[in-house]
Protein backbone atom coordinates (compact mmCIF):
# COMPACT_ATOMS: atom_id res chain seq x y z
CA MET A 1 30.42 5.10 24.62
CA THR A 2 29.73 8.82 24.33
CA ALA A 3 26.95 10.67 26.07
CA THR A 4 25.30 11.21 22.69
CA ASN A 5 25.39 7.47 21.96
CA THR A 6 24.02 6.66 25.40
CA SER A 7 21.25 9.20 24.94
CA ALA A 8 20.38 7.84 21.48
CA LEU A 9 20.21 4.27 22.80
CA ALA A 10 17.96 5.36 25.67
CA GLU A 11 15.67 7.12 23.19
CA ILE A 12 15.56 4.03 20.95
CA ARG A 13 14.59 1.88 23.92
CA GLU A 14 11.91 4.40 24.89
CA VAL A 15 10.47 4.42 21.36
CA ASN A 16 10.57 0.61 21.26
CA LEU A 17 8.64 0.27 24.51
CA ALA A 18 6.10 2.90 23.49
CA TYR A 19 5.64 1.13 20.14
CA LEU A 20 5.18 -2.29 21.74
CA LEU A 21 2.67 -1.00 24.27
CA LEU A 22 0.75 0.93 21.62
CA ALA A 23 0.70 -2.11 19.33
CA GLN A 24 -0.64 -4.28 22.16
CA ARG A 25 -3.35 -1.76 22.99
CA LEU A 26 -4.39 -1.39 19.35
CA LEU A 27 -4.47 -5.17 18.93
CA GLN A 28 -6.67 -5.54 22.02
CA ASP A 29 -9.06 -2.82 20.84
CA ASP A 30 -9.47 -3.91 17.21
CA ARG A 31 -7.14 -6.66 16.02
CA MET A 32 -7.84 -6.43 12.28
CA SER A 33 -7.58 -2.66 12.17
CA ALA A 34 -4.37 -2.76 14.21
CA MET A 35 -2.84 -5.37 11.94
CA TYR A 36 -3.63 -3.18 8.94
CA ARG A 37 -2.39 0.05 10.53
CA LEU A 38 0.81 -1.52 11.84
CA GLY A 39 1.43 -3.71 8.79
CA LEU A 40 1.52 -6.89 10.86
CA SER A 41 0.85 -10.48 9.93
CA GLY A 42 -1.38 -12.60 12.14
CA GLU A 43 1.67 -14.44 13.50
CA VAL A 44 3.43 -11.22 14.54
CA ALA A 45 0.19 -9.91 16.05
CA ASP A 46 -0.11 -13.13 18.09
CA VAL A 47 3.43 -12.74 19.46
CA LEU A 48 2.95 -9.05 20.30
CA SER A 49 -0.39 -9.69 21.98
CA ALA A 50 1.07 -12.43 24.16
CA LEU A 51 4.03 -10.41 25.51
CA THR A 52 3.97 -9.74 29.23
CA LEU A 53 5.12 -6.33 30.43
CA ALA A 54 8.45 -7.83 31.54
CA GLN A 55 8.92 -9.42 28.11
CA ALA A 56 8.00 -6.16 26.35
CA VAL A 57 10.58 -4.27 28.44
CA LYS A 58 13.20 -6.90 27.61
CA VAL A 59 12.42 -6.80 23.88
CA ALA A 60 12.36 -2.98 23.93
CA SER A 61 15.86 -2.87 25.37
CA SER A 62 17.29 -3.72 21.96
CA SER A 63 19.64 -1.17 20.45
CA HIS A 64 17.71 -1.45 17.18
CA LEU A 65 14.37 0.16 16.38
CA LEU A 66 11.60 -2.42 16.42
CA CYS A 67 9.16 -0.41 14.34
CA ARG A 68 9.85 -0.03 10.66
CA PHE A 69 9.37 3.11 8.63
CA ARG A 70 6.63 1.95 6.26
CA PHE A 71 7.11 4.67 3.70
CA ASP A 72 9.93 2.95 1.82
CA ASP A 73 7.93 3.67 -1.29
CA HIS A 74 8.48 7.18 -2.61
CA THR A 75 4.89 7.34 -3.87
CA ILE A 76 3.41 6.87 -0.39
CA LEU A 77 5.67 9.39 1.32
CA ALA A 78 5.26 11.91 -1.49
CA SER A 79 1.47 11.53 -1.29
CA LEU A 80 1.46 12.30 2.44
CA ALA A 81 3.90 15.17 2.10
CA ASP A 82 2.19 16.84 -0.89
CA LYS A 83 1.32 20.31 0.38
CA ASP A 84 -1.15 20.86 -2.46
CA LYS A 85 -3.38 17.94 -1.40
CA SER A 86 -5.87 18.18 1.42
CA PRO A 87 -4.77 16.16 4.46
CA ALA A 88 -7.81 13.89 4.19
CA PHE A 89 -7.13 13.14 0.52
CA ALA A 90 -3.43 12.53 1.19
CA GLN A 91 -4.24 10.09 4.01
CA ALA A 92 -6.82 8.28 1.91
CA HIS A 93 -4.37 7.97 -1.00
CA ALA A 94 -1.63 6.67 1.32
CA ALA A 95 -4.06 4.16 2.88
CA ILE A 96 -4.91 2.79 -0.55
CA LEU A 97 -1.22 2.41 -1.41
CA LEU A 98 -0.43 0.81 1.97
CA ALA A 99 -3.29 -1.66 1.60
CA ASP A 100 -1.36 -3.27 -1.23
CA ALA A 101 1.92 -3.43 0.75
CA PRO A 102 3.01 -6.79 2.21
CA VAL A 103 2.74 -7.30 5.96
CA ALA A 104 5.67 -8.14 8.21
CA GLN A 105 6.46 -11.81 8.62
CA ILE A 106 8.24 -13.73 11.37
CA GLY A 107 11.24 -15.42 10.00
């Protein structure tokens, strides 16, 4: 394994752990808002909320990113990136589009 590969894997693990810890904190603060912002189903939110720190570290050690880029839809990404729109309008438009997107499911 090259140094670049090792570095990339370490960065993926770091992002994974940061994502898991952020998701847990958001779920503790305001579960419904967190589920909406993260695109999570109730079942996934339950699993994330119940993870201990040791379990979160173990899950984060995966070589795959745990968070998913939610802007698979060109319309959403284009709306956020549109330099001619005000940031507030772009965020509001993206939020409306994301509200109609399906949430993640366990399975």
